[in-house]
Every structure is written in C-alpha cells, then in structure tokens.
Amino acid sequence: YRDVVIPVVGECDDSFLNNSVKFHITDEDVFDAIKNTKSGI
C-alpha cells in the first residue's frame, strides 16, 4: 500500500579511528545486524 516509515537512526563520529569518507557500510551490513539481533547476553 506504499505506506512509509522514517527509521530511528542515531550516530556518533568514529572518524578518529575510522576512515568515514569511504562510506563503507552497505545495505547487507544493516540486514546482517538485524538478522543478528538476539535476547540474553
């Protein structure tokens, strides 16, 4: 039905250790993080 969402996404700047202008994060990385969600420890 072409409904829309605005995901809640927070950030911090990791550019002291990470070359952030390489824009390395992909869709698959996000999908993997979601797939890896678990309860417990």
PDB file of all heavy atoms in Angstrom:
ATOM      1  N   TYR A   1       0.811  -1.219   0.000  1.00  0.00           N
ATOM      2  CA  TYR A   1       0.000   0.000   0.000  1.00  0.00           C
ATOM      3  C   TYR A   1       0.850   1.277   0.000  1.00  0.00           C
ATOM      4  O   TYR A   1       0.338   2.365   0.213  1.00  0.00           O
ATOM      5  CB  TYR A   1      -0.946  -0.001   1.200  1.00  0.00           C
ATOM      6  CG  TYR A   1      -1.908  -1.163   1.178  1.00  0.00           C
ATOM      7  CD1 TYR A   1      -1.624  -2.323   1.886  1.00  0.00           C
ATOM      8  CD2 TYR A   1      -3.070  -1.110   0.417  1.00  0.00           C
ATOM      9  CE1 TYR A   1      -2.491  -3.410   1.856  1.00  0.00           C
ATOM     10  CE2 TYR A   1      -3.951  -2.185   0.374  1.00  0.00           C
ATOM     11  CZ  TYR A   1      -3.647  -3.335   1.100  1.00  0.00           C
ATOM     12  OH  TYR A   1      -4.510  -4.410   1.063  1.00  0.00           O
ATOM     13  N   ARG A   2       2.155   1.107  -0.214  1.00  0.00           N
ATOM     14  CA  ARG A   2       3.080   2.239  -0.295  1.00  0.00           C
ATOM     15  C   ARG A   2       3.016   3.133   0.925  1.00  0.00           C
ATOM     16  O   ARG A   2       3.082   4.368   0.828  1.00  0.00           O
ATOM     17  CB  ARG A   2       2.818   3.054  -1.562  1.00  0.00           C
ATOM     18  CG  ARG A   2       3.095   2.279  -2.831  1.00  0.00           C
ATOM     19  CD  ARG A   2       2.813   3.091  -4.067  1.00  0.00           C
ATOM     20  NE  ARG A   2       2.962   2.279  -5.261  1.00  0.00           N
ATOM     21  CZ  ARG A   2       2.533   2.635  -6.472  1.00  0.00           C
ATOM     22  NH1 ARG A   2       1.920   3.797  -6.623  1.00  0.00           N
ATOM     23  NH2 ARG A   2       2.714   1.856  -7.501  1.00  0.00           N
ATOM     24  N   ASP A   3       2.839   2.492   2.073  1.00  0.00           N
ATOM     25  CA  ASP A   3       2.965   3.234   3.320  1.00  0.00           C
ATOM     26  C   ASP A   3       4.440   3.585   3.512  1.00  0.00           C
ATOM     27  O   ASP A   3       5.315   3.009   2.856  1.00  0.00           O
ATOM     28  CB  ASP A   3       2.473   2.379   4.495  1.00  0.00           C
ATOM     29  CG  ASP A   3       1.908   3.235   5.624  1.00  0.00           C
ATOM     30  OD1 ASP A   3       2.291   4.418   5.686  1.00  0.00           O
ATOM     31  OD2 ASP A   3       1.118   2.716   6.416  1.00  0.00           O
ATOM     32  N   VAL A   4       4.718   4.523   4.367  1.00  0.00           N
ATOM     33  CA  VAL A   4       6.100   4.972   4.533  1.00  0.00           C
ATOM     34  C   VAL A   4       6.517   4.884   6.002  1.00  0.00           C
ATOM     35  O   VAL A   4       5.674   4.901   6.904  1.00  0.00           O
ATOM     36  CB  VAL A   4       6.293   6.425   4.033  1.00  0.00           C
ATOM     37  CG1 VAL A   4       6.014   6.515   2.548  1.00  0.00           C
ATOM     38  CG2 VAL A   4       5.408   7.397   4.805  1.00  0.00           C
ATOM     39  N   VAL A   5       7.807   4.792   6.222  1.00  0.00           N
ATOM     40  CA  VAL A   5       8.369   4.799   7.562  1.00  0.00           C
ATOM     41  C   VAL A   5       9.569   5.731   7.591  1.00  0.00           C
ATOM     42  O   VAL A   5      10.199   5.987   6.564  1.00  0.00           O
ATOM     43  CB  VAL A   5       8.810   3.394   8.029  1.00  0.00           C
ATOM     44  CG1 VAL A   5       7.629   2.501   8.271  1.00  0.00           C
ATOM     45  CG2 VAL A   5       9.789   2.777   7.036  1.00  0.00           C
ATOM     46  N   ILE A   6       9.860   6.237   8.776  1.00  0.00           N
ATOM     47  CA  ILE A   6      11.069   7.041   8.982  1.00  0.00           C
ATOM     48  C   ILE A   6      11.850   6.365  10.107  1.00  0.00           C
ATOM     49  O   ILE A   6      11.559   6.573  11.285  1.00  0.00           O
ATOM     50  CB  ILE A   6      10.734   8.499   9.359  1.00  0.00           C
ATOM     51  CG1 ILE A   6       9.802   9.111   8.321  1.00  0.00           C
ATOM     52  CG2 ILE A   6      12.018   9.317   9.489  1.00  0.00           C
ATOM     53  CD1 ILE A   6       9.328  10.509   8.689  1.00  0.00           C
ATOM     54  N   PRO A   7      12.821   5.533   9.768  1.00  0.00           N
ATOM     55  CA  PRO A   7      13.557   4.786  10.789  1.00  0.00           C
ATOM     56  C   PRO A   7      14.293   5.699  11.763  1.00  0.00           C
ATOM     57  O   PRO A   7      14.718   6.811  11.416  1.00  0.00           O
ATOM     58  CB  PRO A   7      14.549   3.948   9.975  1.00  0.00           C
ATOM     59  CG  PRO A   7      13.930   3.840   8.615  1.00  0.00           C
ATOM     60  CD  PRO A   7      13.232   5.152   8.405  1.00  0.00           C
ATOM     61  N   VAL A   8      14.424   5.201  12.988  1.00  0.00           N
ATOM     62  CA  VAL A   8      15.157   5.920  14.022  1.00  0.00           C
ATOM     63  C   VAL A   8      16.613   5.447  13.979  1.00  0.00           C
ATOM     64  O   VAL A   8      16.907   4.288  14.274  1.00  0.00           O
ATOM     65  CB  VAL A   8      14.543   5.665  15.408  1.00  0.00           C
ATOM     66  CG1 VAL A   8      15.350   6.377  16.493  1.00  0.00           C
ATOM     67  CG2 VAL A   8      13.086   6.135  15.431  1.00  0.00           C
ATOM     68  N   VAL A   9      17.496   6.363  13.574  1.00  0.00           N
ATOM     69  CA  VAL A   9      18.913   6.020  13.402  1.00  0.00           C
ATOM     70  C   VAL A   9      19.772   7.075  14.100  1.00  0.00           C
ATOM     71  O   VAL A   9      19.719   8.253  13.743  1.00  0.00           O
ATOM     72  CB  VAL A   9      19.302   5.937  11.908  1.00  0.00           C
ATOM     73  CG1 VAL A   9      20.772   5.525  11.766  1.00  0.00           C
ATOM     74  CG2 VAL A   9      18.399   4.967  11.158  1.00  0.00           C
ATOM     75  N   GLY A  10      20.544   6.650  15.087  1.00  0.00           N
ATOM     76  CA  GLY A  10      21.433   7.557  15.809  1.00  0.00           C
ATOM     77  C   GLY A  10      22.883   7.381  15.395  1.00  0.00           C
ATOM     78  O   GLY A  10      23.272   6.325  14.889  1.00  0.00           O
ATOM     79  N   GLU A  11      23.680   8.412  15.627  1.00  0.00           N
ATOM     80  CA  GLU A  11      25.077   8.377  15.176  1.00  0.00           C
ATOM     81  C   GLU A  11      26.030   8.979  16.186  1.00  0.00           C
ATOM     82  O   GLU A  11      25.657   9.837  16.997  1.00  0.00           O
ATOM     83  CB  GLU A  11      25.225   9.119  13.853  1.00  0.00           C
ATOM     84  CG  GLU A  11      24.758  10.586  13.867  1.00  0.00           C
ATOM     85  CD  GLU A  11      25.735  11.564  14.509  1.00  0.00           C
ATOM     86  OE1 GLU A  11      26.958  11.299  14.474  1.00  0.00           O
ATOM     87  OE2 GLU A  11      25.270  12.579  15.056  1.00  0.00           O
ATOM     88  N   CYS A  12      27.269   8.520  16.112  1.00  0.00           N
ATOM     89  CA  CYS A  12      28.418   9.189  16.719  1.00  0.00           C
ATOM     90  C   CYS A  12      29.550   9.192  15.700  1.00  0.00           C
ATOM     91  O   CYS A  12      29.588   8.363  14.792  1.00  0.00           O
ATOM     92  CB  CYS A  12      28.862   8.488  18.002  1.00  0.00           C
ATOM     93  SG  CYS A  12      27.763   8.721  19.418  1.00  0.00           S
ATOM     94  N   ASP A  13      30.481  10.092  15.871  1.00  0.00           N
ATOM     95  CA  ASP A  13      31.565  10.287  14.911  1.00  0.00           C
ATOM     96  C   ASP A  13      32.756   9.398  15.266  1.00  0.00           C
ATOM     97  O   ASP A  13      33.440   9.629  16.262  1.00  0.00           O
ATOM     98  CB  ASP A  13      31.974  11.767  14.919  1.00  0.00           C
ATOM     99  CG  ASP A  13      33.140  12.066  13.999  1.00  0.00           C
ATOM    100  OD1 ASP A  13      33.544  11.182  13.219  1.00  0.00           O
ATOM    101  OD2 ASP A  13      33.670  13.198  14.071  1.00  0.00           O
ATOM    102  N   ASP A  14      33.010   8.384  14.437  1.00  0.00           N
ATOM    103  CA  ASP A  14      34.138   7.477  14.698  1.00  0.00           C
ATOM    104  C   ASP A  14      35.354   7.761  13.820  1.00  0.00           C
ATOM    105  O   ASP A  14      36.236   6.917  13.650  1.00  0.00           O
ATOM    106  CB  ASP A  14      33.705   6.018  14.536  1.00  0.00           C
ATOM    107  CG  ASP A  14      33.222   5.675  13.121  1.00  0.00           C
ATOM    108  OD1 ASP A  14      33.385   6.509  12.212  1.00  0.00           O
ATOM    109  OD2 ASP A  14      32.673   4.566  12.934  1.00  0.00           O
ATOM    110  N   SER A  15      35.429   8.989  13.257  1.00  0.00           N
ATOM    111  CA  SER A  15      36.456   9.281  12.247  1.00  0.00           C
ATOM    112  C   SER A  15      37.871   9.380  12.807  1.00  0.00           C
ATOM    113  O   SER A  15      38.827   9.478  12.042  1.00  0.00           O
ATOM    114  CB  SER A  15      36.111  10.579  11.506  1.00  0.00           C
ATOM    115  OG  SER A  15      36.043  11.684  12.398  1.00  0.00           O
ATOM    116  N   PHE A  16      38.025   9.350  14.145  1.00  0.00           N
ATOM    117  CA  PHE A  16      39.375   9.343  14.699  1.00  0.00           C
ATOM    118  C   PHE A  16      40.077   8.019  14.380  1.00  0.00           C
ATOM    119  O   PHE A  16      41.282   7.988  14.106  1.00  0.00           O
ATOM    120  CB  PHE A  16      39.331   9.552  16.215  1.00  0.00           C
ATOM    121  CG  PHE A  16      40.679   9.779  16.850  1.00  0.00           C
ATOM    122  CD1 PHE A  16      41.318  11.004  16.743  1.00  0.00           C
ATOM    123  CD2 PHE A  16      41.317   8.762  17.552  1.00  0.00           C
ATOM    124  CE1 PHE A  16      42.562  11.223  17.319  1.00  0.00           C
ATOM    125  CE2 PHE A  16      42.557   8.963  18.133  1.00  0.00           C
ATOM    126  CZ  PHE A  16      43.180  10.199  18.022  1.00  0.00           C
ATOM    127  N   LEU A  17      39.323   6.932  14.372  1.00  0.00           N
ATOM    128  CA  LEU A  17      39.884   5.615  14.071  1.00  0.00           C
ATOM    129  C   LEU A  17      39.405   5.045  12.743  1.00  0.00           C
ATOM    130  O   LEU A  17      40.023   4.129  12.202  1.00  0.00           O
ATOM    131  CB  LEU A  17      39.531   4.623  15.186  1.00  0.00           C
ATOM    132  CG  LEU A  17      40.256   4.783  16.521  1.00  0.00           C
ATOM    133  CD1 LEU A  17      39.631   3.880  17.577  1.00  0.00           C
ATOM    134  CD2 LEU A  17      41.741   4.475  16.380  1.00  0.00           C
ATOM    135  N   ASN A  18      38.306   5.571  12.223  1.00  0.00           N
ATOM    136  CA  ASN A  18      37.693   5.028  11.017  1.00  0.00           C
ATOM    137  C   ASN A  18      37.731   6.045   9.879  1.00  0.00           C
ATOM    138  O   ASN A  18      37.448   7.226  10.083  1.00  0.00           O
ATOM    139  CB  ASN A  18      36.224   4.665  11.304  1.00  0.00           C
ATOM    140  CG  ASN A  18      35.483   4.211  10.070  1.00  0.00           C
ATOM    141  OD1 ASN A  18      35.934   3.304   9.368  1.00  0.00           O
ATOM    142  ND2 ASN A  18      34.351   4.835   9.790  1.00  0.00           N
ATOM    143  N   ASN A  19      38.093   5.573   8.690  1.00  0.00           N
ATOM    144  CA  ASN A  19      38.078   6.440   7.515  1.00  0.00           C
ATOM    145  C   ASN A  19      36.637   6.546   7.025  1.00  0.00           C
ATOM    146  O   ASN A  19      36.215   5.839   6.112  1.00  0.00           O
ATOM    147  CB  ASN A  19      38.981   5.864   6.425  1.00  0.00           C
ATOM    148  CG  ASN A  19      39.160   6.830   5.264  1.00  0.00           C
ATOM    149  OD1 ASN A  19      38.438   7.820   5.141  1.00  0.00           O
ATOM    150  ND2 ASN A  19      40.119   6.552   4.411  1.00  0.00           N
ATOM    151  N   SER A  20      35.900   7.452   7.642  1.00  0.00           N
ATOM    152  CA  SER A  20      34.448   7.509   7.427  1.00  0.00           C
ATOM    153  C   SER A  20      34.061   7.954   6.024  1.00  0.00           C
ATOM    154  O   SER A  20      32.940   7.667   5.578  1.00  0.00           O
ATOM    155  CB  SER A  20      33.804   8.432   8.463  1.00  0.00           C
ATOM    156  OG  SER A  20      34.351   9.733   8.391  1.00  0.00           O
ATOM    157  N   VAL A  21      34.949   8.651   5.304  1.00  0.00           N
ATOM    158  CA  VAL A  21      34.596   9.112   3.963  1.00  0.00           C
ATOM    159  C   VAL A  21      34.713   8.004   2.922  1.00  0.00           C
ATOM    160  O   VAL A  21      34.465   8.229   1.738  1.00  0.00           O
ATOM    161  CB  VAL A  21      35.445  10.331   3.536  1.00  0.00           C
ATOM    162  CG1 VAL A  21      35.131  11.528   4.407  1.00  0.00           C
ATOM    163  CG2 VAL A  21      36.932  10.015   3.560  1.00  0.00           C
ATOM    164  N   LYS A  22      35.049   6.800   3.355  1.00  0.00           N
ATOM    165  CA  LYS A  22      34.978   5.652   2.446  1.00  0.00           C
ATOM    166  C   LYS A  22      33.555   5.109   2.339  1.00  0.00           C
ATOM    167  O   LYS A  22      33.281   4.266   1.488  1.00  0.00           O
ATOM    168  CB  LYS A  22      35.919   4.532   2.919  1.00  0.00           C
ATOM    169  CG  LYS A  22      37.377   4.773   2.572  1.00  0.00           C
ATOM    170  CD  LYS A  22      38.210   3.516   2.808  1.00  0.00           C
ATOM    171  CE  LYS A  22      39.630   3.697   2.289  1.00  0.00           C
ATOM    172  NZ  LYS A  22      40.453   2.476   2.501  1.00  0.00           N
ATOM    173  N   PHE A  23      32.668   5.566   3.220  1.00  0.00           N
ATOM    174  CA  PHE A  23      31.255   5.171   3.185  1.00  0.00           C
ATOM    175  C   PHE A  23      31.126   3.656   3.001  1.00  0.00           C
ATOM    176  O   PHE A  23      30.495   3.171   2.064  1.00  0.00           O
ATOM    177  CB  PHE A  23      30.515   5.912   2.067  1.00  0.00           C
ATOM    178  CG  PHE A  23      30.562   7.403   2.214  1.00  0.00           C
ATOM    179  CD1 PHE A  23      31.489   8.163   1.504  1.00  0.00           C
ATOM    180  CD2 PHE A  23      29.704   8.050   3.077  1.00  0.00           C
ATOM    181  CE1 PHE A  23      31.539   9.544   1.650  1.00  0.00           C
ATOM    182  CE2 PHE A  23      29.748   9.434   3.226  1.00  0.00           C
ATOM    183  CZ  PHE A  23      30.670  10.179   2.520  1.00  0.00           C
ATOM    184  N   HIS A  24      31.712   2.933   3.929  1.00  0.00           N
ATOM    185  CA  HIS A  24      31.909   1.501   3.749  1.00  0.00           C
ATOM    186  C   HIS A  24      30.669   0.670   4.093  1.00  0.00           C
ATOM    187  O   HIS A  24      30.554  -0.479   3.682  1.00  0.00           O
ATOM    188  CB  HIS A  24      33.084   1.052   4.623  1.00  0.00           C
ATOM    189  CG  HIS A  24      33.841  -0.103   4.057  1.00  0.00           C
ATOM    190  ND1 HIS A  24      34.560  -0.024   2.887  1.00  0.00           N
ATOM    191  CD2 HIS A  24      33.971  -1.382   4.483  1.00  0.00           C
ATOM    192  CE1 HIS A  24      35.115  -1.189   2.629  1.00  0.00           C
ATOM    193  NE2 HIS A  24      34.767  -2.047   3.589  1.00  0.00           N
ATOM    194  N   ILE A  25      29.751   1.214   4.863  1.00  0.00           N
ATOM    195  CA  ILE A  25      28.590   0.427   5.298  1.00  0.00           C
ATOM    196  C   ILE A  25      27.601   0.241   4.142  1.00  0.00           C
ATOM    197  O   ILE A  25      27.276   1.182   3.423  1.00  0.00           O
ATOM    198  CB  ILE A  25      27.918   1.097   6.510  1.00  0.00           C
ATOM    199  CG1 ILE A  25      28.808   0.919   7.746  1.00  0.00           C
ATOM    200  CG2 ILE A  25      26.530   0.513   6.775  1.00  0.00           C
ATOM    201  CD1 ILE A  25      28.313   1.618   8.975  1.00  0.00           C
ATOM    202  N   THR A  26      27.128  -0.989   3.987  1.00  0.00           N
ATOM    203  CA  THR A  26      26.210  -1.352   2.906  1.00  0.00           C
ATOM    204  C   THR A  26      24.849  -1.783   3.461  1.00  0.00           C
ATOM    205  O   THR A  26      24.696  -1.995   4.664  1.00  0.00           O
ATOM    206  CB  THR A  26      26.790  -2.508   2.076  1.00  0.00           C
ATOM    207  OG1 THR A  26      26.829  -3.691   2.911  1.00  0.00           O
ATOM    208  CG2 THR A  26      28.191  -2.188   1.581  1.00  0.00           C
ATOM    209  N   ASP A  27      23.902  -1.955   2.559  1.00  0.00           N
ATOM    210  CA  ASP A  27      22.594  -2.487   2.952  1.00  0.00           C
ATOM    211  C   ASP A  27      22.754  -3.824   3.660  1.00  0.00           C
ATOM    212  O   ASP A  27      22.097  -4.083   4.681  1.00  0.00           O
ATOM    213  CB  ASP A  27      21.708  -2.683   1.724  1.00  0.00           C
ATOM    214  CG  ASP A  27      21.200  -1.374   1.137  1.00  0.00           C
ATOM    215  OD1 ASP A  27      21.433  -0.309   1.753  1.00  0.00           O
ATOM    216  OD2 ASP A  27      20.566  -1.416   0.068  1.00  0.00           O
ATOM    217  N   GLU A  28      23.619  -4.680   3.124  1.00  0.00           N
ATOM    218  CA  GLU A  28      23.795  -6.018   3.690  1.00  0.00           C
ATOM    219  C   GLU A  28      24.307  -5.965   5.125  1.00  0.00           C
ATOM    220  O   GLU A  28      23.963  -6.821   5.944  1.00  0.00           O
ATOM    221  CB  GLU A  28      24.744  -6.843   2.815  1.00  0.00           C
ATOM    222  CG  GLU A  28      24.162  -7.231   1.467  1.00  0.00           C
ATOM    223  CD  GLU A  28      22.856  -8.007   1.597  1.00  0.00           C
ATOM    224  OE1 GLU A  28      22.763  -8.886   2.480  1.00  0.00           O
ATOM    225  OE2 GLU A  28      21.928  -7.736   0.817  1.00  0.00           O
ATOM    226  N   ASP A  29      25.130  -4.970   5.422  1.00  0.00           N
ATOM    227  CA  ASP A  29      25.618  -4.832   6.800  1.00  0.00           C
ATOM    228  C   ASP A  29      24.462  -4.540   7.754  1.00  0.00           C
ATOM    229  O   ASP A  29      24.403  -5.069   8.867  1.00  0.00           O
ATOM    230  CB  ASP A  29      26.658  -3.714   6.882  1.00  0.00           C
ATOM    231  CG  ASP A  29      27.917  -4.027   6.102  1.00  0.00           C
ATOM    232  OD1 ASP A  29      28.318  -5.202   6.071  1.00  0.00           O
ATOM    233  OD2 ASP A  29      28.504  -3.094   5.520  1.00  0.00           O
ATOM    234  N   VAL A  30      23.548  -3.698   7.317  1.00  0.00           N
ATOM    235  CA  VAL A  30      22.376  -3.377   8.138  1.00  0.00           C
ATOM    236  C   VAL A  30      21.485  -4.606   8.279  1.00  0.00           C
ATOM    237  O   VAL A  30      21.027  -4.938   9.379  1.00  0.00           O
ATOM    238  CB  VAL A  30      21.589  -2.202   7.533  1.00  0.00           C
ATOM    239  CG1 VAL A  30      20.361  -1.873   8.391  1.00  0.00           C
ATOM    240  CG2 VAL A  30      22.484  -0.969   7.400  1.00  0.00           C
ATOM    241  N   PHE A  31      21.265  -5.307   7.164  1.00  0.00           N
ATOM    242  CA  PHE A  31      20.445  -6.520   7.218  1.00  0.00           C
ATOM    243  C   PHE A  31      21.072  -7.561   8.151  1.00  0.00           C
ATOM    244  O   PHE A  31      20.363  -8.257   8.888  1.00  0.00           O
ATOM    245  CB  PHE A  31      20.277  -7.120   5.818  1.00  0.00           C
ATOM    246  CG  PHE A  31      19.617  -6.196   4.822  1.00  0.00           C
ATOM    247  CD1 PHE A  31      19.838  -6.350   3.457  1.00  0.00           C
ATOM    248  CD2 PHE A  31      18.781  -5.160   5.235  1.00  0.00           C
ATOM    249  CE1 PHE A  31      19.240  -5.521   2.538  1.00  0.00           C
ATOM    250  CE2 PHE A  31      18.174  -4.314   4.316  1.00  0.00           C
ATOM    251  CZ  PHE A  31      18.416  -4.497   2.965  1.00  0.00           C
ATOM    252  N   ASP A  32      22.397  -7.665   8.119  1.00  0.00           N
ATOM    253  CA  ASP A  32      23.093  -8.619   8.996  1.00  0.00           C
ATOM    254  C   ASP A  32      22.906  -8.250  10.467  1.00  0.00           C
ATOM    255  O   ASP A  32      22.696  -9.122  11.320  1.00  0.00           O
ATOM    256  CB  ASP A  32      24.583  -8.669   8.664  1.00  0.00           C
ATOM    257  CG  ASP A  32      24.883  -9.429   7.383  1.00  0.00           C
ATOM    258  OD1 ASP A  32      23.983 -10.148   6.900  1.00  0.00           O
ATOM    259  OD2 ASP A  32      26.008  -9.308   6.861  1.00  0.00           O
ATOM    260  N   ALA A  33      23.014  -6.949  10.770  1.00  0.00           N
ATOM    261  CA  ALA A  33      22.825  -6.508  12.159  1.00  0.00           C
ATOM    262  C   ALA A  33      21.425  -6.854  12.641  1.00  0.00           C
ATOM    263  O   ALA A  33      21.238  -7.303  13.786  1.00  0.00           O
ATOM    264  CB  ALA A  33      23.082  -5.004  12.280  1.00  0.00           C
ATOM    265  N   ILE A  34      20.428  -6.668  11.772  1.00  0.00           N
ATOM    266  CA  ILE A  34      19.048  -7.008  12.133  1.00  0.00           C
ATOM    267  C   ILE A  34      18.920  -8.512  12.332  1.00  0.00           C
ATOM    268  O   ILE A  34      18.324  -8.989  13.300  1.00  0.00           O
ATOM    269  CB  ILE A  34      18.066  -6.522  11.053  1.00  0.00           C
ATOM    270  CG1 ILE A  34      18.093  -4.990  10.942  1.00  0.00           C
ATOM    271  CG2 ILE A  34      16.649  -7.002  11.346  1.00  0.00           C
ATOM    272  CD1 ILE A  34      17.342  -4.437   9.747  1.00  0.00           C
ATOM    273  N   LYS A  35      19.507  -9.279  11.404  1.00  0.00           N
ATOM    274  CA  LYS A  35      19.449 -10.741  11.490  1.00  0.00           C
ATOM    275  C   LYS A  35      20.141 -11.253  12.749  1.00  0.00           C
ATOM    276  O   LYS A  35      19.752 -12.282  13.318  1.00  0.00           O
ATOM    277  CB  LYS A  35      20.095 -11.350  10.244  1.00  0.00           C
ATOM    278  CG  LYS A  35      20.012 -12.865  10.173  1.00  0.00           C
ATOM    279  CD  LYS A  35      20.475 -13.374   8.824  1.00  0.00           C
ATOM    280  CE  LYS A  35      21.947 -13.045   8.580  1.00  0.00           C
ATOM    281  NZ  LYS A  35      22.428 -13.621   7.311  1.00  0.00           N
ATOM    282  N   ASN A  36      21.160 -10.530  13.200  1.00  0.00           N
ATOM    283  CA  ASN A  36      21.932 -10.949  14.372  1.00  0.00           C
ATOM    284  C   ASN A  36      21.280 -10.573  15.699  1.00  0.00           C
ATOM    285  O   ASN A  36      21.820 -10.901  16.763  1.00  0.00           O
ATOM    286  CB  ASN A  36      23.331 -10.334  14.323  1.00  0.00           C
ATOM    287  CG  ASN A  36      24.176 -10.898  13.196  1.00  0.00           C
ATOM    288  OD1 ASN A  36      23.925 -12.000  12.717  1.00  0.00           O
ATOM    289  ND2 ASN A  36      25.170 -10.139  12.742  1.00  0.00           N
ATOM    290  N   THR A  37      20.141  -9.863  15.663  1.00  0.00           N
ATOM    291  CA  THR A  37      19.529  -9.441  16.928  1.00  0.00           C
ATOM    292  C   THR A  37      19.132 -10.653  17.759  1.00  0.00           C
ATOM    293  O   THR A  37      18.635 -11.656  17.239  1.00  0.00           O
ATOM    294  CB  THR A  37      18.296  -8.555  16.691  1.00  0.00           C
ATOM    295  OG1 THR A  37      17.362  -9.234  15.856  1.00  0.00           O
ATOM    296  CG2 THR A  37      18.686  -7.226  16.071  1.00  0.00           C
ATOM    297  N   LYS A  38      19.364 -10.543  19.054  1.00  0.00           N
ATOM    298  CA  LYS A  38      19.054 -11.648  19.957  1.00  0.00           C
ATOM    299  C   LYS A  38      18.762 -11.102  21.343  1.00  0.00           C
ATOM    300  O   LYS A  38      19.101  -9.965  21.684  1.00  0.00           O
ATOM    301  CB  LYS A  38      20.237 -12.619  20.041  1.00  0.00           C
ATOM    302  CG  LYS A  38      21.506 -11.994  20.622  1.00  0.00           C
ATOM    303  CD  LYS A  38      22.634 -13.009  20.716  1.00  0.00           C
ATOM    304  CE  LYS A  38      23.872 -12.395  21.401  1.00  0.00           C
ATOM    305  NZ  LYS A  38      24.952 -13.385  21.543  1.00  0.00           N
ATOM    306  N   SER A  39      18.129 -11.918  22.155  1.00  0.00           N
ATOM    307  CA  SER A  39      17.917 -11.594  23.551  1.00  0.00           C
ATOM    308  C   SER A  39      19.055 -12.193  24.370  1.00  0.00           C
ATOM    309  O   SER A  39      20.005 -12.751  23.820  1.00  0.00           O
ATOM    310  CB  SER A  39      16.562 -12.145  24.019  1.00  0.00           C
ATOM    311  OG  SER A  39      16.477 -13.533  23.754  1.00  0.00           O
ATOM    312  N   GLY A  40      18.966 -12.077  25.689  1.00  0.00           N
ATOM    313  CA  GLY A  40      20.009 -12.647  26.536  1.00  0.00           C
ATOM    314  C   GLY A  40      21.257 -11.788  26.580  1.00  0.00           C
ATOM    315  O   GLY A  40      21.213 -10.559  26.451  1.00  0.00           O
ATOM    316  N   ILE A  41      22.408 -12.427  26.743  1.00  0.00           N
ATOM    317  CA  ILE A  41      23.681 -11.714  26.844  1.00  0.00           C
ATOM    318  C   ILE A  41      24.092 -11.186  25.476  1.00  0.00           C
ATOM    319  O   ILE A  41      24.031 -11.910  24.482  1.00  0.00           O
ATOM    320  CB  ILE A  41      24.768 -12.637  27.414  1.00  0.00           C
ATOM    321  CG1 ILE A  41      24.420 -13.043  28.849  1.00  0.00           C
ATOM    322  CG2 ILE A  41      26.139 -11.954  27.394  1.00  0.00           C
ATOM    323  CD1 ILE A  41      25.338 -14.087  29.446  1.00  0.00           C
TER     324      ILE A  41
END
